[in-house]
Amino acid sequence: NPVGYASALYAALHDLDAMGLDRIVIALPPNTPQWLAIRDRLNRAATAAD
């Protein structure tokens, strides 16, 4: 369920970011059309952090 996953993911990322971690590792969700927006956001976030 991409919608539920996205909601939980963004909440978890917010909490992890508040911890001041140097790195957060996330397994990418499936490479299917339903998950495209989430994969895109994760890829852009990873690129911005480099």
PDB file of N, CA and C in Angstrom:
ATOM      1  N   ASN A   1       0.840  -1.178   0.000  1.00  0.00           N
ATOM      2  CA  ASN A   1       0.000   0.000   0.000  1.00  0.00           C
ATOM      3  C   ASN A   1       0.889   1.246   0.000  1.00  0.00           C
ATOM      4  N   PRO A   2       1.130   1.849  -1.149  1.00  0.00           N
ATOM      5  CA  PRO A   2       2.015   3.009  -1.236  1.00  0.00           C
ATOM      6  C   PRO A   2       1.584   4.195  -0.375  1.00  0.00           C
ATOM      7  N   VAL A   3       0.289   4.436  -0.236  1.00  0.00           N
ATOM      8  CA  VAL A   3      -0.168   5.593   0.542  1.00  0.00           C
ATOM      9  C   VAL A   3       0.179   5.412   2.019  1.00  0.00           C
ATOM     10  N   GLY A   4      -0.119   4.255   2.563  1.00  0.00           N
ATOM     11  CA  GLY A   4       0.216   3.979   3.960  1.00  0.00           C
ATOM     12  C   GLY A   4       1.714   3.970   4.191  1.00  0.00           C
ATOM     13  N   TYR A   5       2.448   3.397   3.240  1.00  0.00           N
ATOM     14  CA  TYR A   5       3.903   3.352   3.338  1.00  0.00           C
ATOM     15  C   TYR A   5       4.470   4.766   3.345  1.00  0.00           C
ATOM     16  N   ALA A   6       3.990   5.608   2.454  1.00  0.00           N
ATOM     17  CA  ALA A   6       4.497   6.983   2.363  1.00  0.00           C
ATOM     18  C   ALA A   6       4.270   7.735   3.665  1.00  0.00           C
ATOM     19  N   SER A   7       3.105   7.593   4.227  1.00  0.00           N
ATOM     20  CA  SER A   7       2.799   8.281   5.475  1.00  0.00           C
ATOM     21  C   SER A   7       3.729   7.825   6.595  1.00  0.00           C
ATOM     22  N   ALA A   8       3.903   6.521   6.733  1.00  0.00           N
ATOM     23  CA  ALA A   8       4.788   5.983   7.777  1.00  0.00           C
ATOM     24  C   ALA A   8       6.243   6.347   7.500  1.00  0.00           C
ATOM     25  N   LEU A   9       6.635   6.311   6.235  1.00  0.00           N
ATOM     26  CA  LEU A   9       8.014   6.633   5.873  1.00  0.00           C
ATOM     27  C   LEU A   9       8.356   8.075   6.213  1.00  0.00           C
ATOM     28  N   TYR A  10       7.518   9.005   5.824  1.00  0.00           N
ATOM     29  CA  TYR A  10       7.812  10.416   6.076  1.00  0.00           C
ATOM     30  C   TYR A  10       7.811  10.725   7.566  1.00  0.00           C
ATOM     31  N   ALA A  11       6.941  10.077   8.329  1.00  0.00           N
ATOM     32  CA  ALA A  11       6.949  10.262   9.786  1.00  0.00           C
ATOM     33  C   ALA A  11       8.244   9.717  10.381  1.00  0.00           C
ATOM     34  N   ALA A  12       8.662   8.542   9.920  1.00  0.00           N
ATOM     35  CA  ALA A  12       9.902   7.941  10.422  1.00  0.00           C
ATOM     36  C   ALA A  12      11.108   8.789  10.033  1.00  0.00           C
ATOM     37  N   LEU A  13      11.133   9.282   8.805  1.00  0.00           N
ATOM     38  CA  LEU A  13      12.252  10.126   8.369  1.00  0.00           C
ATOM     39  C   LEU A  13      12.324  11.404   9.187  1.00  0.00           C
ATOM     40  N   HIS A  14      11.192  11.973   9.492  1.00  0.00           N
ATOM     41  CA  HIS A  14      11.158  13.179  10.317  1.00  0.00           C
ATOM     42  C   HIS A  14      11.752  12.892  11.694  1.00  0.00           C
ATOM     43  N   ASP A  15      11.349  11.789  12.299  1.00  0.00           N
ATOM     44  CA  ASP A  15      11.875  11.414  13.613  1.00  0.00           C
ATOM     45  C   ASP A  15      13.375  11.132  13.549  1.00  0.00           C
ATOM     46  N   LEU A  16      13.814  10.411  12.529  1.00  0.00           N
ATOM     47  CA  LEU A  16      15.234  10.089  12.390  1.00  0.00           C
ATOM     48  C   LEU A  16      16.060  11.345  12.134  1.00  0.00           C
ATOM     49  N   ASP A  17      15.543  12.261  11.347  1.00  0.00           N
ATOM     50  CA  ASP A  17      16.248  13.511  11.082  1.00  0.00           C
ATOM     51  C   ASP A  17      16.427  14.316  12.366  1.00  0.00           C
ATOM     52  N   ALA A  18      15.431  14.295  13.219  1.00  0.00           N
ATOM     53  CA  ALA A  18      15.504  15.021  14.491  1.00  0.00           C
ATOM     54  C   ALA A  18      16.591  14.457  15.401  1.00  0.00           C
ATOM     55  N   MET A  19      16.982  13.204  15.170  1.00  0.00           N
ATOM     56  CA  MET A  19      18.040  12.581  15.969  1.00  0.00           C
ATOM     57  C   MET A  19      19.428  13.050  15.558  1.00  0.00           C
ATOM     58  N   GLY A  20      19.528  13.730  14.420  1.00  0.00           N
ATOM     59  CA  GLY A  20      20.811  14.242  13.962  1.00  0.00           C
ATOM     60  C   GLY A  20      21.741  13.177  13.408  1.00  0.00           C
ATOM     61  N   LEU A  21      21.183  12.128  12.868  1.00  0.00           N
ATOM     62  CA  LEU A  21      21.997  11.052  12.309  1.00  0.00           C
ATOM     63  C   LEU A  21      22.765  11.531  11.082  1.00  0.00           C
ATOM     64  N   ASP A  22      23.937  10.961  10.881  1.00  0.00           N
ATOM     65  CA  ASP A  22      24.730  11.296   9.699  1.00  0.00           C
ATOM     66  C   ASP A  22      24.182  10.632   8.444  1.00  0.00           C
ATOM     67  N   ARG A  23      23.563   9.481   8.618  1.00  0.00           N
ATOM     68  CA  ARG A  23      23.110   8.701   7.475  1.00  0.00           C
ATOM     69  C   ARG A  23      21.859   7.917   7.842  1.00  0.00           C
ATOM     70  N   ILE A  24      20.967   7.804   6.892  1.00  0.00           N
ATOM     71  CA  ILE A  24      19.771   6.978   7.044  1.00  0.00           C
ATOM     72  C   ILE A  24      19.725   6.061   5.826  1.00  0.00           C
ATOM     73  N   VAL A  25      19.619   4.772   6.052  1.00  0.00           N
ATOM     74  CA  VAL A  25      19.599   3.796   4.960  1.00  0.00           C
ATOM     75  C   VAL A  25      18.187   3.237   4.832  1.00  0.00           C
ATOM     76  N   ILE A  26      17.671   3.280   3.609  1.00  0.00           N
ATOM     77  CA  ILE A  26      16.308   2.818   3.342  1.00  0.00           C
ATOM     78  C   ILE A  26      16.333   1.912   2.117  1.00  0.00           C
ATOM     79  N   ALA A  27      15.683   0.771   2.210  1.00  0.00           N
ATOM     80  CA  ALA A  27      15.517  -0.099   1.043  1.00  0.00           C
ATOM     81  C   ALA A  27      14.453   0.521   0.145  1.00  0.00           C
ATOM     82  N   LEU A  28      14.753   0.604  -1.134  1.00  0.00           N
ATOM     83  CA  LEU A  28      13.781   1.182  -2.067  1.00  0.00           C
ATOM     84  C   LEU A  28      12.564   0.281  -2.212  1.00  0.00           C
ATOM     85  N   PRO A  29      11.398   0.878  -2.332  1.00  0.00           N
ATOM     86  CA  PRO A  29      10.190   0.081  -2.567  1.00  0.00           C
ATOM     87  C   PRO A  29      10.205  -0.482  -3.992  1.00  0.00           C
ATOM     88  N   PRO A  30       9.250  -1.324  -4.324  1.00  0.00           N
ATOM     89  CA  PRO A  30       9.211  -1.941  -5.653  1.00  0.00           C
ATOM     90  C   PRO A  30       9.257  -0.902  -6.783  1.00  0.00           C
ATOM     91  N   ASN A  31       9.853  -1.310  -7.882  1.00  0.00           N
ATOM     92  CA  ASN A  31       9.949  -0.438  -9.054  1.00  0.00           C
ATOM     93  C   ASN A  31       8.727  -0.667  -9.954  1.00  0.00           C
ATOM     94  N   THR A  32       7.584  -0.217  -9.462  1.00  0.00           N
ATOM     95  CA  THR A  32       6.328  -0.347 -10.200  1.00  0.00           C
ATOM     96  C   THR A  32       5.649   1.019 -10.239  1.00  0.00           C
ATOM     97  N   PRO A  33       4.710   1.206 -11.149  1.00  0.00           N
ATOM     98  CA  PRO A  33       4.061   2.516 -11.272  1.00  0.00           C
ATOM     99  C   PRO A  33       3.427   3.028  -9.973  1.00  0.00           C
ATOM    100  N   GLN A  34       2.875   2.129  -9.154  1.00  0.00           N
ATOM    101  CA  GLN A  34       2.226   2.553  -7.916  1.00  0.00           C
ATOM    102  C   GLN A  34       3.217   3.184  -6.938  1.00  0.00           C
ATOM    103  N   TRP A  35       4.462   2.787  -7.017  1.00  0.00           N
ATOM    104  CA  TRP A  35       5.482   3.239  -6.071  1.00  0.00           C
ATOM    105  C   TRP A  35       6.388   4.310  -6.669  1.00  0.00           C
ATOM    106  N   LEU A  36       6.146   4.719  -7.883  1.00  0.00           N
ATOM    107  CA  LEU A  36       7.029   5.644  -8.590  1.00  0.00           C
ATOM    108  C   LEU A  36       7.259   6.951  -7.835  1.00  0.00           C
ATOM    109  N   ALA A  37       6.223   7.561  -7.311  1.00  0.00           N
ATOM    110  CA  ALA A  37       6.370   8.849  -6.620  1.00  0.00           C
ATOM    111  C   ALA A  37       7.238   8.713  -5.372  1.00  0.00           C
ATOM    112  N   ILE A  38       7.068   7.627  -4.640  1.00  0.00           N
ATOM    113  CA  ILE A  38       7.872   7.428  -3.430  1.00  0.00           C
ATOM    114  C   ILE A  38       9.326   7.183  -3.797  1.00  0.00           C
ATOM    115  N   ARG A  39       9.567   6.352  -4.801  1.00  0.00           N
ATOM    116  CA  ARG A  39      10.946   6.097  -5.247  1.00  0.00           C
ATOM    117  C   ARG A  39      11.599   7.398  -5.718  1.00  0.00           C
ATOM    118  N   ASP A  40      10.848   8.212  -6.439  1.00  0.00           N
ATOM    119  CA  ASP A  40      11.379   9.482  -6.931  1.00  0.00           C
ATOM    120  C   ASP A  40      11.779  10.389  -5.772  1.00  0.00           C
ATOM    121  N   ARG A  41      10.919  10.511  -4.769  1.00  0.00           N
ATOM    122  CA  ARG A  41      11.229  11.363  -3.609  1.00  0.00           C
ATOM    123  C   ARG A  41      12.454  10.852  -2.864  1.00  0.00           C
ATOM    124  N   LEU A  42      12.554   9.550  -2.689  1.00  0.00           N
ATOM    125  CA  LEU A  42      13.714   8.985  -1.995  1.00  0.00           C
ATOM    126  C   LEU A  42      14.994   9.218  -2.792  1.00  0.00           C
ATOM    127  N   ASN A  43      14.929   9.030  -4.098  1.00  0.00           N
ATOM    128  CA  ASN A  43      16.112   9.263  -4.933  1.00  0.00           C
ATOM    129  C   ASN A  43      16.538  10.724  -4.898  1.00  0.00           C
ATOM    130  N   ARG A  44      15.587  11.641  -4.955  1.00  0.00           N
ATOM    131  CA  ARG A  44      15.938  13.064  -4.892  1.00  0.00           C
ATOM    132  C   ARG A  44      16.491  13.437  -3.527  1.00  0.00           C
ATOM    133  N   ALA A  45      15.932  12.878  -2.474  1.00  0.00           N
ATOM    134  CA  ALA A  45      16.437  13.159  -1.123  1.00  0.00           C
ATOM    135  C   ALA A  45      17.859  12.635  -0.967  1.00  0.00           C
ATOM    136  N   ALA A  46      18.133  11.464  -1.510  1.00  0.00           N
ATOM    137  CA  ALA A  46      19.475  10.885  -1.413  1.00  0.00           C
ATOM    138  C   ALA A  46      20.479  11.721  -2.192  1.00  0.00           C
ATOM    139  N   THR A  47      20.081  12.226  -3.338  1.00  0.00           N
ATOM    140  CA  THR A  47      20.972  13.049  -4.148  1.00  0.00           C
ATOM    141  C   THR A  47      21.257  14.378  -3.468  1.00  0.00           C
ATOM    142  N   ALA A  48      20.260  14.970  -2.852  1.00  0.00           N
ATOM    143  CA  ALA A  48      20.431  16.263  -2.190  1.00  0.00           C
ATOM    144  C   ALA A  48      21.366  16.162  -0.995  1.00  0.00           C
ATOM    145  N   ALA A  49      21.421  14.998  -0.362  1.00  0.00           N
ATOM    146  CA  ALA A  49      22.245  14.822   0.835  1.00  0.00           C
ATOM    147  C   ALA A  49      23.713  14.608   0.493  1.00  0.00           C
ATOM    148  N   ASP A  50      24.017  14.214  -0.722  1.00  0.00           N
ATOM    149  CA  ASP A  50      25.416  13.931  -1.094  1.00  0.00           C
ATOM    150  C   ASP A  50      26.255  15.177  -1.159  1.00  0.00           C
TER     151      ASP A  50
END
